[in-house]
Amino acid sequence: MHELSLCEGVLQILQNSAREQGFQRVKRVWLEIGGLSGVEPDAMRFNFDAVTRGTLADHAGLEIIDVPGQAWCMPCGKTVPVENRFDPCPTCGSYQLQVVSGEEMRVKELEVE
């Protein structure tokens, strides 16, 4: 269950940001999660609540923004949507795709006090 360690990493980002920017409490976190990242949003929600208990982000809301997977197709030169890493190009059927988005996971925005 790697979502637990990912949530611990998010908490570290929040704690570092609080030190640098001088806020005391995190009320809401917006987290972008790519469709190709291998991160399970429901597991992130569950683990986020457990990891942040008793911290500056205790009871903070977690908003997950889904980032769809996209890849650039070498033969047809188009950027196309992909749901799985090894899907063929929906335009030409080629498997020569280079992922351009959907692998990321990042803190997009914070609401703090």
PDB file of N, CA and C in Angstrom:
ATOM      1  N   MET A   1       0.850  -1.182   0.000  1.00  0.00           N
ATOM      2  CA  MET A   1       0.000   0.000   0.000  1.00  0.00           C
ATOM      3  C   MET A   1       0.893   1.242   0.000  1.00  0.00           C
ATOM      4  N   HIS A   2       1.327   1.670  -1.182  1.00  0.00           N
ATOM      5  CA  HIS A   2       2.226   2.808  -1.272  1.00  0.00           C
ATOM      6  C   HIS A   2       1.534   4.144  -1.046  1.00  0.00           C
ATOM      7  N   GLU A   3       0.206   4.159  -1.026  1.00  0.00           N
ATOM      8  CA  GLU A   3      -0.507   5.408  -0.773  1.00  0.00           C
ATOM      9  C   GLU A   3      -0.206   5.955   0.621  1.00  0.00           C
ATOM     10  N   LEU A   4       0.071   5.071   1.578  1.00  0.00           N
ATOM     11  CA  LEU A   4       0.425   5.520   2.923  1.00  0.00           C
ATOM     12  C   LEU A   4       1.705   6.350   2.884  1.00  0.00           C
ATOM     13  N   SER A   5       2.731   5.856   2.212  1.00  0.00           N
ATOM     14  CA  SER A   5       3.984   6.622   2.134  1.00  0.00           C
ATOM     15  C   SER A   5       3.812   7.882   1.301  1.00  0.00           C
ATOM     16  N   LEU A   6       2.950   7.847   0.287  1.00  0.00           N
ATOM     17  CA  LEU A   6       2.679   9.058  -0.489  1.00  0.00           C
ATOM     18  C   LEU A   6       2.011  10.122   0.385  1.00  0.00           C
ATOM     19  N   CYS A   7       1.084   9.701   1.236  1.00  0.00           N
ATOM     20  CA  CYS A   7       0.427  10.647   2.149  1.00  0.00           C
ATOM     21  C   CYS A   7       1.417  11.216   3.162  1.00  0.00           C
ATOM     22  N   GLU A   8       2.356  10.396   3.607  1.00  0.00           N
ATOM     23  CA  GLU A   8       3.398  10.897   4.503  1.00  0.00           C
ATOM     24  C   GLU A   8       4.250  11.946   3.791  1.00  0.00           C
ATOM     25  N   GLY A   9       4.516  11.743   2.516  1.00  0.00           N
ATOM     26  CA  GLY A   9       5.243  12.729   1.725  1.00  0.00           C
ATOM     27  C   GLY A   9       4.465  14.020   1.562  1.00  0.00           C
ATOM     28  N   VAL A  10       3.161  13.901   1.344  1.00  0.00           N
ATOM     29  CA  VAL A  10       2.308  15.098   1.243  1.00  0.00           C
ATOM     30  C   VAL A  10       2.334  15.864   2.567  1.00  0.00           C
ATOM     31  N   LEU A  11       2.250  15.147   3.681  1.00  0.00           N
ATOM     32  CA  LEU A  11       2.301  15.801   4.990  1.00  0.00           C
ATOM     33  C   LEU A  11       3.621  16.542   5.174  1.00  0.00           C
ATOM     34  N   GLN A  12       4.723  15.962   4.743  1.00  0.00           N
ATOM     35  CA  GLN A  12       6.013  16.653   4.827  1.00  0.00           C
ATOM     36  C   GLN A  12       6.004  17.935   4.011  1.00  0.00           C
ATOM     37  N   ILE A  13       5.404  17.894   2.840  1.00  0.00           N
ATOM     38  CA  ILE A  13       5.288  19.100   2.009  1.00  0.00           C
ATOM     39  C   ILE A  13       4.487  20.162   2.752  1.00  0.00           C
ATOM     40  N   LEU A  14       3.390  19.759   3.389  1.00  0.00           N
ATOM     41  CA  LEU A  14       2.556  20.703   4.134  1.00  0.00           C
ATOM     42  C   LEU A  14       3.332  21.299   5.308  1.00  0.00           C
ATOM     43  N   GLN A  15       4.064  20.472   6.040  1.00  0.00           N
ATOM     44  CA  GLN A  15       4.835  20.956   7.181  1.00  0.00           C
ATOM     45  C   GLN A  15       5.947  21.904   6.733  1.00  0.00           C
ATOM     46  N   ASN A  16       6.637  21.578   5.654  1.00  0.00           N
ATOM     47  CA  ASN A  16       7.680  22.468   5.128  1.00  0.00           C
ATOM     48  C   ASN A  16       7.090  23.791   4.660  1.00  0.00           C
ATOM     49  N   SER A  17       5.951  23.734   3.993  1.00  0.00           N
ATOM     50  CA  SER A  17       5.290  24.954   3.524  1.00  0.00           C
ATOM     51  C   SER A  17       4.853  25.822   4.699  1.00  0.00           C
ATOM     52  N   ALA A  18       4.360  25.189   5.762  1.00  0.00           N
ATOM     53  CA  ALA A  18       3.930  25.940   6.949  1.00  0.00           C
ATOM     54  C   ALA A  18       5.120  26.666   7.575  1.00  0.00           C
ATOM     55  N   ARG A  19       6.272  26.015   7.658  1.00  0.00           N
ATOM     56  CA  ARG A  19       7.468  26.663   8.204  1.00  0.00           C
ATOM     57  C   ARG A  19       7.903  27.835   7.327  1.00  0.00           C
ATOM     58  N   GLU A  20       7.901  27.628   6.015  1.00  0.00           N
ATOM     59  CA  GLU A  20       8.370  28.654   5.087  1.00  0.00           C
ATOM     60  C   GLU A  20       7.413  29.827   4.978  1.00  0.00           C
ATOM     61  N   GLN A  21       6.098  29.552   5.038  1.00  0.00           N
ATOM     62  CA  GLN A  21       5.110  30.590   4.773  1.00  0.00           C
ATOM     63  C   GLN A  21       4.388  31.083   6.025  1.00  0.00           C
ATOM     64  N   GLY A  22       4.596  30.420   7.161  1.00  0.00           N
ATOM     65  CA  GLY A  22       4.077  30.910   8.426  1.00  0.00           C
ATOM     66  C   GLY A  22       2.602  30.649   8.700  1.00  0.00           C
ATOM     67  N   PHE A  23       2.011  29.647   8.110  1.00  0.00           N
ATOM     68  CA  PHE A  23       0.624  29.333   8.467  1.00  0.00           C
ATOM     69  C   PHE A  23       0.604  28.257   9.537  1.00  0.00           C
ATOM     70  N   GLN A  24      -0.524  28.176  10.253  1.00  0.00           N
ATOM     71  CA  GLN A  24      -0.639  27.280  11.399  1.00  0.00           C
ATOM     72  C   GLN A  24      -1.476  26.039  11.127  1.00  0.00           C
ATOM     73  N   ARG A  25      -2.386  26.154  10.180  1.00  0.00           N
ATOM     74  CA  ARG A  25      -3.343  25.067   9.972  1.00  0.00           C
ATOM     75  C   ARG A  25      -3.687  24.944   8.495  1.00  0.00           C
ATOM     76  N   VAL A  26      -3.836  23.713   8.054  1.00  0.00           N
ATOM     77  CA  VAL A  26      -4.269  23.433   6.683  1.00  0.00           C
ATOM     78  C   VAL A  26      -5.737  23.022   6.737  1.00  0.00           C
ATOM     79  N   LYS A  27      -6.561  23.735   5.987  1.00  0.00           N
ATOM     80  CA  LYS A  27      -8.001  23.437   5.976  1.00  0.00           C
ATOM     81  C   LYS A  27      -8.395  22.525   4.810  1.00  0.00           C
ATOM     82  N   ARG A  28      -7.703  22.703   3.685  1.00  0.00           N
ATOM     83  CA  ARG A  28      -8.066  21.920   2.498  1.00  0.00           C
ATOM     84  C   ARG A  28      -6.830  21.781   1.603  1.00  0.00           C
ATOM     85  N   VAL A  29      -6.717  20.600   0.993  1.00  0.00           N
ATOM     86  CA  VAL A  29      -5.613  20.302   0.082  1.00  0.00           C
ATOM     87  C   VAL A  29      -6.203  19.838  -1.242  1.00  0.00           C
ATOM     88  N   TRP A  30      -5.731  20.430  -2.334  1.00  0.00           N
ATOM     89  CA  TRP A  30      -6.095  19.976  -3.666  1.00  0.00           C
ATOM     90  C   TRP A  30      -4.901  19.215  -4.213  1.00  0.00           C
ATOM     91  N   LEU A  31      -5.131  17.964  -4.569  1.00  0.00           N
ATOM     92  CA  LEU A  31      -4.073  17.078  -5.018  1.00  0.00           C
ATOM     93  C   LEU A  31      -4.396  16.586  -6.421  1.00  0.00           C
ATOM     94  N   GLU A  32      -3.485  16.827  -7.363  1.00  0.00           N
ATOM     95  CA  GLU A  32      -3.646  16.307  -8.718  1.00  0.00           C
ATOM     96  C   GLU A  32      -3.072  14.899  -8.773  1.00  0.00           C
ATOM     97  N   ILE A  33      -3.869  13.975  -9.293  1.00  0.00           N
ATOM     98  CA  ILE A  33      -3.416  12.598  -9.438  1.00  0.00           C
ATOM     99  C   ILE A  33      -3.678  12.153 -10.874  1.00  0.00           C
ATOM    100  N   GLY A  34      -2.618  11.772 -11.545  1.00  0.00           N
ATOM    101  CA  GLY A  34      -2.723  11.331 -12.930  1.00  0.00           C
ATOM    102  C   GLY A  34      -3.328   9.948 -13.049  1.00  0.00           C
ATOM    103  N   GLY A  35      -4.090   9.745 -14.091  1.00  0.00           N
ATOM    104  CA  GLY A  35      -4.744   8.464 -14.334  1.00  0.00           C
ATOM    105  C   GLY A  35      -3.769   7.326 -14.602  1.00  0.00           C
ATOM    106  N   LEU A  36      -2.530   7.649 -14.958  1.00  0.00           N
ATOM    107  CA  LEU A  36      -1.518   6.636 -15.232  1.00  0.00           C
ATOM    108  C   LEU A  36      -0.506   6.516 -14.093  1.00  0.00           C
ATOM    109  N   SER A  37      -0.766   7.188 -12.986  1.00  0.00           N
ATOM    110  CA  SER A  37       0.205   7.244 -11.889  1.00  0.00           C
ATOM    111  C   SER A  37       0.240   5.980 -11.041  1.00  0.00           C
ATOM    112  N   GLY A  38      -0.796   5.170 -11.115  1.00  0.00           N
ATOM    113  CA  GLY A  38      -0.861   3.984 -10.276  1.00  0.00           C
ATOM    114  C   GLY A  38      -1.313   4.281  -8.860  1.00  0.00           C
ATOM    115  N   VAL A  39      -1.771   5.505  -8.610  1.00  0.00           N
ATOM    116  CA  VAL A  39      -2.232   5.911  -7.279  1.00  0.00           C
ATOM    117  C   VAL A  39      -3.743   5.752  -7.215  1.00  0.00           C
ATOM    118  N   GLU A  40      -4.228   5.090  -6.184  1.00  0.00           N
ATOM    119  CA  GLU A  40      -5.658   4.853  -5.996  1.00  0.00           C
ATOM    120  C   GLU A  40      -6.241   5.995  -5.162  1.00  0.00           C
ATOM    121  N   PRO A  41      -7.112   6.837  -5.756  1.00  0.00           N
ATOM    122  CA  PRO A  41      -7.668   7.983  -5.030  1.00  0.00           C
ATOM    123  C   PRO A  41      -8.367   7.627  -3.721  1.00  0.00           C
ATOM    124  N   ASP A  42      -9.142   6.546  -3.687  1.00  0.00           N
ATOM    125  CA  ASP A  42      -9.836   6.177  -2.440  1.00  0.00           C
ATOM    126  C   ASP A  42      -8.840   5.799  -1.347  1.00  0.00           C
ATOM    127  N   ALA A  43      -7.773   5.117  -1.715  1.00  0.00           N
ATOM    128  CA  ALA A  43      -6.740   4.770  -0.740  1.00  0.00           C
ATOM    129  C   ALA A  43      -6.026   6.028  -0.248  1.00  0.00           C
ATOM    130  N   MET A  44      -5.845   7.014  -1.123  1.00  0.00           N
ATOM    131  CA  MET A  44      -5.234   8.284  -0.699  1.00  0.00           C
ATOM    132  C   MET A  44      -6.121   8.988   0.321  1.00  0.00           C
ATOM    133  N   ARG A  45      -7.413   9.018   0.068  1.00  0.00           N
ATOM    134  CA  ARG A  45      -8.338   9.669   1.014  1.00  0.00           C
ATOM    135  C   ARG A  45      -8.271   8.996   2.385  1.00  0.00           C
ATOM    136  N   PHE A  46      -8.329   7.678   2.399  1.00  0.00           N
ATOM    137  CA  PHE A  46      -8.294   6.929   3.648  1.00  0.00           C
ATOM    138  C   PHE A  46      -6.982   7.185   4.404  1.00  0.00           C
ATOM    139  N   ASN A  47      -5.867   7.052   3.695  1.00  0.00           N
ATOM    140  CA  ASN A  47      -4.566   7.215   4.327  1.00  0.00           C
ATOM    141  C   ASN A  47      -4.281   8.664   4.712  1.00  0.00           C
ATOM    142  N   PHE A  48      -4.790   9.618   3.948  1.00  0.00           N
ATOM    143  CA  PHE A  48      -4.590  11.027   4.270  1.00  0.00           C
ATOM    144  C   PHE A  48      -5.200  11.332   5.634  1.00  0.00           C
ATOM    145  N   ASP A  49      -6.412  10.861   5.868  1.00  0.00           N
ATOM    146  CA  ASP A  49      -7.060  11.079   7.169  1.00  0.00           C
ATOM    147  C   ASP A  49      -6.247  10.457   8.299  1.00  0.00           C
ATOM    148  N   ALA A  50      -5.717   9.257   8.077  1.00  0.00           N
ATOM    149  CA  ALA A  50      -4.942   8.575   9.119  1.00  0.00           C
ATOM    150  C   ALA A  50      -3.606   9.275   9.374  1.00  0.00           C
ATOM    151  N   VAL A  51      -2.916   9.662   8.323  1.00  0.00           N
ATOM    152  CA  VAL A  51      -1.584  10.268   8.450  1.00  0.00           C
ATOM    153  C   VAL A  51      -1.655  11.673   9.050  1.00  0.00           C
ATOM    154  N   THR A  52      -2.701  12.424   8.740  1.00  0.00           N
ATOM    155  CA  THR A  52      -2.766  13.817   9.195  1.00  0.00           C
ATOM    156  C   THR A  52      -3.393  13.982  10.578  1.00  0.00           C
ATOM    157  N   ARG A  53      -3.894  12.901  11.152  1.00  0.00           N
ATOM    158  CA  ARG A  53      -4.509  12.984  12.479  1.00  0.00           C
ATOM    159  C   ARG A  53      -3.496  13.522  13.494  1.00  0.00           C
ATOM    160  N   GLY A  54      -3.886  14.581  14.216  1.00  0.00           N
ATOM    161  CA  GLY A  54      -3.021  15.170  15.230  1.00  0.00           C
ATOM    162  C   GLY A  54      -1.941  16.093  14.682  1.00  0.00           C
ATOM    163  N   THR A  55      -2.031  16.464  13.404  1.00  0.00           N
ATOM    164  CA  THR A  55      -1.034  17.347  12.783  1.00  0.00           C
ATOM    165  C   THR A  55      -1.699  18.663  12.380  1.00  0.00           C
ATOM    166  N   LEU A  56      -0.934  19.539  11.738  1.00  0.00           N
ATOM    167  CA  LEU A  56      -1.485  20.812  11.274  1.00  0.00           C
ATOM    168  C   LEU A  56      -2.567  20.619  10.213  1.00  0.00           C
ATOM    169  N   ALA A  57      -2.681  19.411   9.663  1.00  0.00           N
ATOM    170  CA  ALA A  57      -3.694  19.125   8.639  1.00  0.00           C
ATOM    171  C   ALA A  57      -4.809  18.225   9.170  1.00  0.00           C
ATOM    172  N   ASP A  58      -4.909  18.107  10.498  1.00  0.00           N
ATOM    173  CA  ASP A  58      -5.971  17.291  11.097  1.00  0.00           C
ATOM    174  C   ASP A  58      -7.327  17.828  10.647  1.00  0.00           C
ATOM    175  N   HIS A  59      -8.191  16.972  10.151  1.00  0.00           N
ATOM    176  CA  HIS A  59      -9.533  17.294   9.645  1.00  0.00           C
ATOM    177  C   HIS A  59      -9.519  18.142   8.376  1.00  0.00           C
ATOM    178  N   ALA A  60      -8.374  18.222   7.705  1.00  0.00           N
ATOM    179  CA  ALA A  60      -8.323  18.965   6.442  1.00  0.00           C
ATOM    180  C   ALA A  60      -9.069  18.180   5.371  1.00  0.00           C
ATOM    181  N   GLY A  61      -9.747  18.893   4.504  1.00  0.00           N
ATOM    182  CA  GLY A  61     -10.410  18.256   3.375  1.00  0.00           C
ATOM    183  C   GLY A  61      -9.399  17.926   2.292  1.00  0.00           C
ATOM    184  N   LEU A  62      -9.582  16.806   1.634  1.00  0.00           N
ATOM    185  CA  LEU A  62      -8.715  16.418   0.530  1.00  0.00           C
ATOM    186  C   LEU A  62      -9.543  16.380  -0.742  1.00  0.00           C
ATOM    187  N   GLU A  63      -9.206  17.259  -1.660  1.00  0.00           N
ATOM    188  CA  GLU A  63      -9.873  17.317  -2.964  1.00  0.00           C
ATOM    189  C   GLU A  63      -8.926  16.710  -3.993  1.00  0.00           C
ATOM    190  N   ILE A  64      -9.390  15.704  -4.706  1.00  0.00           N
ATOM    191  CA  ILE A  64      -8.555  15.053  -5.710  1.00  0.00           C
ATOM    192  C   ILE A  64      -9.000  15.476  -7.101  1.00  0.00           C
ATOM    193  N   ILE A  65      -8.038  15.980  -7.853  1.00  0.00           N
ATOM    194  CA  ILE A  65      -8.267  16.408  -9.233  1.00  0.00           C
ATOM    195  C   ILE A  65      -7.684  15.324 -10.133  1.00  0.00           C
ATOM    196  N   ASP A  66      -8.535  14.697 -10.920  1.00  0.00           N
ATOM    197  CA  ASP A  66      -8.078  13.646 -11.837  1.00  0.00           C
ATOM    198  C   ASP A  66      -7.428  14.280 -13.063  1.00  0.00           C
ATOM    199  N   VAL A  67      -6.234  13.830 -13.376  1.00  0.00           N
ATOM    200  CA  VAL A  67      -5.528  14.290 -14.573  1.00  0.00           C
ATOM    201  C   VAL A  67      -5.522  13.120 -15.556  1.00  0.00           C
ATOM    202  N   PRO A  68      -6.225  13.259 -16.677  1.00  0.00           N
ATOM    203  CA  PRO A  68      -6.288  12.140 -17.622  1.00  0.00           C
ATOM    204  C   PRO A  68      -4.946  11.871 -18.286  1.00  0.00           C
ATOM    205  N   GLY A  69      -4.744  10.620 -18.641  1.00  0.00           N
ATOM    206  CA  GLY A  69      -3.526  10.245 -19.346  1.00  0.00           C
ATOM    207  C   GLY A  69      -3.571  10.706 -20.792  1.00  0.00           C
ATOM    208  N   GLN A  70      -2.440  11.216 -21.260  1.00  0.00           N
ATOM    209  CA  GLN A  70      -2.301  11.605 -22.656  1.00  0.00           C
ATOM    210  C   GLN A  70      -0.930  11.161 -23.139  1.00  0.00           C
ATOM    211  N   ALA A  71      -0.868  10.814 -24.400  1.00  0.00           N
ATOM    212  CA  ALA A  71       0.398  10.383 -24.992  1.00  0.00           C
ATOM    213  C   ALA A  71       0.531  10.971 -26.391  1.00  0.00           C
ATOM    214  N   TRP A  72       1.776  11.133 -26.795  1.00  0.00           N
ATOM    215  CA  TRP A  72       2.083  11.590 -28.149  1.00  0.00           C
ATOM    216  C   TRP A  72       2.386  10.363 -28.987  1.00  0.00           C
ATOM    217  N   CYS A  73       1.698  10.258 -30.110  1.00  0.00           N
ATOM    218  CA  CYS A  73       1.874   9.120 -31.016  1.00  0.00           C
ATOM    219  C   CYS A  73       2.948   9.472 -32.045  1.00  0.00           C
ATOM    220  N   MET A  74       4.004   8.666 -32.081  1.00  0.00           N
ATOM    221  CA  MET A  74       5.108   8.933 -33.005  1.00  0.00           C
ATOM    222  C   MET A  74       4.700   8.823 -34.475  1.00  0.00           C
ATOM    223  N   PRO A  75       3.989   7.763 -34.889  1.00  0.00           N
ATOM    224  CA  PRO A  75       3.638   7.652 -36.309  1.00  0.00           C
ATOM    225  C   PRO A  75       2.677   8.733 -36.817  1.00  0.00           C
ATOM    226  N   CYS A  76       1.622   9.035 -36.053  1.00  0.00           N
ATOM    227  CA  CYS A  76       0.651  10.007 -36.587  1.00  0.00           C
ATOM    228  C   CYS A  76       0.867  11.422 -36.045  1.00  0.00           C
ATOM    229  N   GLY A  77       1.747  11.580 -35.039  1.00  0.00           N
ATOM    230  CA  GLY A  77       2.102  12.916 -34.553  1.00  0.00           C
ATOM    231  C   GLY A  77       1.023  13.617 -33.749  1.00  0.00           C
ATOM    232  N   LYS A  78       0.062  12.875 -33.254  1.00  0.00           N
ATOM    233  CA  LYS A  78      -1.028  13.482 -32.491  1.00  0.00           C
ATOM    234  C   LYS A  78      -0.879  13.186 -31.001  1.00  0.00           C
ATOM    235  N   THR A  79      -1.396  14.092 -30.187  1.00  0.00           N
ATOM    236  CA  THR A  79      -1.511  13.840 -28.753  1.00  0.00           C
ATOM    237  C   THR A  79      -2.887  13.245 -28.531  1.00  0.00           C
ATOM    238  N   VAL A  80      -2.916  12.050 -27.927  1.00  0.00           N
ATOM    239  CA  VAL A  80      -4.163  11.294 -27.819  1.00  0.00           C
ATOM    240  C   VAL A  80      -4.418  10.891 -26.368  1.00  0.00           C
ATOM    241  N   PRO A  81      -5.695  10.695 -26.004  1.00  0.00           N
ATOM    242  CA  PRO A  81      -5.996  10.215 -24.651  1.00  0.00           C
ATOM    243  C   PRO A  81      -5.671   8.731 -24.519  1.00  0.00           C
ATOM    244  N   VAL A  82      -5.136   8.349 -23.353  1.00  0.00           N
ATOM    245  CA  VAL A  82      -4.883   6.939 -23.056  1.00  0.00           C
ATOM    246  C   VAL A  82      -5.333   6.652 -21.626  1.00  0.00           C
ATOM    247  N   GLU A  83      -5.949   5.508 -21.437  1.00  0.00           N
ATOM    248  CA  GLU A  83      -6.396   5.119 -20.105  1.00  0.00           C
ATOM    249  C   GLU A  83      -5.406   4.201 -19.419  1.00  0.00           C
ATOM    250  N   ASN A  84      -4.651   3.451 -20.213  1.00  0.00           N
ATOM    251  CA  ASN A  84      -3.638   2.533 -19.697  1.00  0.00           C
ATOM    252  C   ASN A  84      -2.338   2.772 -20.448  1.00  0.00           C
ATOM    253  N   ARG A  85      -1.256   2.540 -19.770  1.00  0.00           N
ATOM    254  CA  ARG A  85       0.066   2.827 -20.326  1.00  0.00           C
ATOM    255  C   ARG A  85       0.329   2.139 -21.667  1.00  0.00           C
ATOM    256  N   PHE A  86      -0.183   0.947 -21.874  1.00  0.00           N
ATOM    257  CA  PHE A  86       0.138   0.202 -23.093  1.00  0.00           C
ATOM    258  C   PHE A  86      -1.030   0.144 -24.081  1.00  0.00           C
ATOM    259  N   ASP A  87      -1.931   1.105 -24.008  1.00  0.00           N
ATOM    260  CA  ASP A  87      -3.020   1.199 -24.978  1.00  0.00           C
ATOM    261  C   ASP A  87      -2.468   1.608 -26.340  1.00  0.00           C
ATOM    262  N   PRO A  88      -3.124   1.167 -27.418  1.00  0.00           N
ATOM    263  CA  PRO A  88      -2.726   1.641 -28.749  1.00  0.00           C
ATOM    264  C   PRO A  88      -3.276   3.051 -29.001  1.00  0.00           C
ATOM    265  N   CYS A  89      -2.722   3.703 -29.974  1.00  0.00           N
ATOM    266  CA  CYS A  89      -3.215   5.017 -30.386  1.00  0.00           C
ATOM    267  C   CYS A  89      -4.644   4.858 -30.897  1.00  0.00           C
ATOM    268  N   PRO A  90      -5.605   5.630 -30.377  1.00  0.00           N
ATOM    269  CA  PRO A  90      -6.978   5.504 -30.849  1.00  0.00           C
ATOM    270  C   PRO A  90      -7.168   6.022 -32.280  1.00  0.00           C
ATOM    271  N   THR A  91      -6.194   6.753 -32.798  1.00  0.00           N
ATOM    272  CA  THR A  91      -6.288   7.296 -34.152  1.00  0.00           C
ATOM    273  C   THR A  91      -5.744   6.328 -35.200  1.00  0.00           C
ATOM    274  N   CYS A  92      -4.507   5.820 -34.961  1.00  0.00           N
ATOM    275  CA  CYS A  92      -3.870   4.994 -35.998  1.00  0.00           C
ATOM    276  C   CYS A  92      -3.585   3.554 -35.552  1.00  0.00           C
ATOM    277  N   GLY A  93      -3.777   3.253 -34.273  1.00  0.00           N
ATOM    278  CA  GLY A  93      -3.569   1.890 -33.785  1.00  0.00           C
ATOM    279  C   GLY A  93      -2.133   1.553 -33.399  1.00  0.00           C
ATOM    280  N   SER A  94      -1.214   2.493 -33.554  1.00  0.00           N
ATOM    281  CA  SER A  94       0.192   2.244 -33.226  1.00  0.00           C
ATOM    282  C   SER A  94       0.381   2.121 -31.710  1.00  0.00           C
ATOM    283  N   TYR A  95       1.410   1.369 -31.339  1.00  0.00           N
ATOM    284  CA  TYR A  95       1.786   1.250 -29.926  1.00  0.00           C
ATOM    285  C   TYR A  95       3.012   2.106 -29.608  1.00  0.00           C
ATOM    286  N   GLN A  96       3.442   2.921 -30.547  1.00  0.00           N
ATOM    287  CA  GLN A  96       4.596   3.790 -30.340  1.00  0.00           C
ATOM    288  C   GLN A  96       4.135   5.112 -29.737  1.00  0.00           C
ATOM    289  N   LEU A  97       3.786   5.050 -28.461  1.00  0.00           N
ATOM    290  CA  LEU A  97       3.270   6.220 -27.757  1.00  0.00           C
ATOM    291  C   LEU A  97       4.241   6.650 -26.665  1.00  0.00           C
ATOM    292  N   GLN A  98       4.348   7.955 -26.501  1.00  0.00           N
ATOM    293  CA  GLN A  98       5.165   8.517 -25.430  1.00  0.00           C
ATOM    294  C   GLN A  98       4.219   9.300 -24.510  1.00  0.00           C
ATOM    295  N   VAL A  99       4.127   8.874 -23.260  1.00  0.00           N
ATOM    296  CA  VAL A  99       3.233   9.522 -22.298  1.00  0.00           C
ATOM    297  C   VAL A  99       3.689  10.961 -22.063  1.00  0.00           C
ATOM    298  N   VAL A 100       2.734  11.904 -22.142  1.00  0.00           N
ATOM    299  CA  VAL A 100       3.048  13.317 -21.905  1.00  0.00           C
ATOM    300  C   VAL A 100       2.349  13.868 -20.665  1.00  0.00           C
ATOM    301  N   SER A 101       1.293  13.213 -20.204  1.00  0.00           N
ATOM    302  CA  SER A 101       0.657  13.630 -18.952  1.00  0.00           C
ATOM    303  C   SER A 101      -0.152  12.472 -18.383  1.00  0.00           C
ATOM    304  N   GLY A 102      -0.406  12.575 -17.079  1.00  0.00           N
ATOM    305  CA  GLY A 102      -1.197  11.559 -16.409  1.00  0.00           C
ATOM    306  C   GLY A 102      -0.388  10.694 -15.463  1.00  0.00           C
ATOM    307  N   GLU A 103       0.935  10.911 -15.397  1.00  0.00           N
ATOM    308  CA  GLU A 103       1.769  10.142 -14.476  1.00  0.00           C
ATOM    309  C   GLU A 103       2.018  10.888 -13.167  1.00  0.00           C
ATOM    310  N   GLU A 104       1.657  12.140 -13.109  1.00  0.00           N
ATOM    311  CA  GLU A 104       2.018  12.989 -11.990  1.00  0.00           C
ATOM    312  C   GLU A 104       1.109  12.837 -10.776  1.00  0.00           C
ATOM    313  N   MET A 105       1.636  13.252  -9.654  1.00  0.00           N
ATOM    314  CA  MET A 105       0.876  13.444  -8.438  1.00  0.00           C
ATOM    315  C   MET A 105       1.515  14.647  -7.760  1.00  0.00           C
ATOM    316  N   ARG A 106       0.743  15.712  -7.548  1.00  0.00           N
ATOM    317  CA  ARG A 106       1.315  16.914  -6.937  1.00  0.00           C
ATOM    318  C   ARG A 106       0.276  17.677  -6.148  1.00  0.00           C
ATOM    319  N   VAL A 107       0.770  18.418  -5.188  1.00  0.00           N
ATOM    320  CA  VAL A 107      -0.084  19.324  -4.414  1.00  0.00           C
ATOM    321  C   VAL A 107      -0.322  20.531  -5.306  1.00  0.00           C
ATOM    322  N   LYS A 108      -1.565  20.748  -5.661  1.00  0.00           N
ATOM    323  CA  LYS A 108      -1.932  21.832  -6.566  1.00  0.00           C
ATOM    324  C   LYS A 108      -2.205  23.122  -5.816  1.00  0.00           C
ATOM    325  N   GLU A 109      -2.917  23.004  -4.679  1.00  0.00           N
ATOM    326  CA  GLU A 109      -3.350  24.216  -3.970  1.00  0.00           C
ATOM    327  C   GLU A 109      -3.641  23.860  -2.516  1.00  0.00           C
ATOM    328  N   LEU A 110      -3.514  24.875  -1.659  1.00  0.00           N
ATOM    329  CA  LEU A 110      -3.810  24.716  -0.241  1.00  0.00           C
ATOM    330  C   LEU A 110      -4.730  25.834   0.231  1.00  0.00           C
ATOM    331  N   GLU A 111      -5.618  25.516   1.159  1.00  0.00           N
ATOM    332  CA  GLU A 111      -6.370  26.535   1.897  1.00  0.00           C
ATOM    333  C   GLU A 111      -5.866  26.441   3.331  1.00  0.00           C
ATOM    334  N   VAL A 112      -5.326  27.554   3.828  1.00  0.00           N
ATOM    335  CA  VAL A 112      -4.655  27.535   5.127  1.00  0.00           C
ATOM    336  C   VAL A 112      -5.151  28.685   6.015  1.00  0.00           C
ATOM    337  N   GLU A 113      -4.805  28.574   7.298  1.00  0.00           N
ATOM    338  CA  GLU A 113      -5.065  29.654   8.268  1.00  0.00           C
ATOM    339  C   GLU A 113      -3.753  30.051   8.904  1.00  0.00           C
TER     340      GLU A 113
END
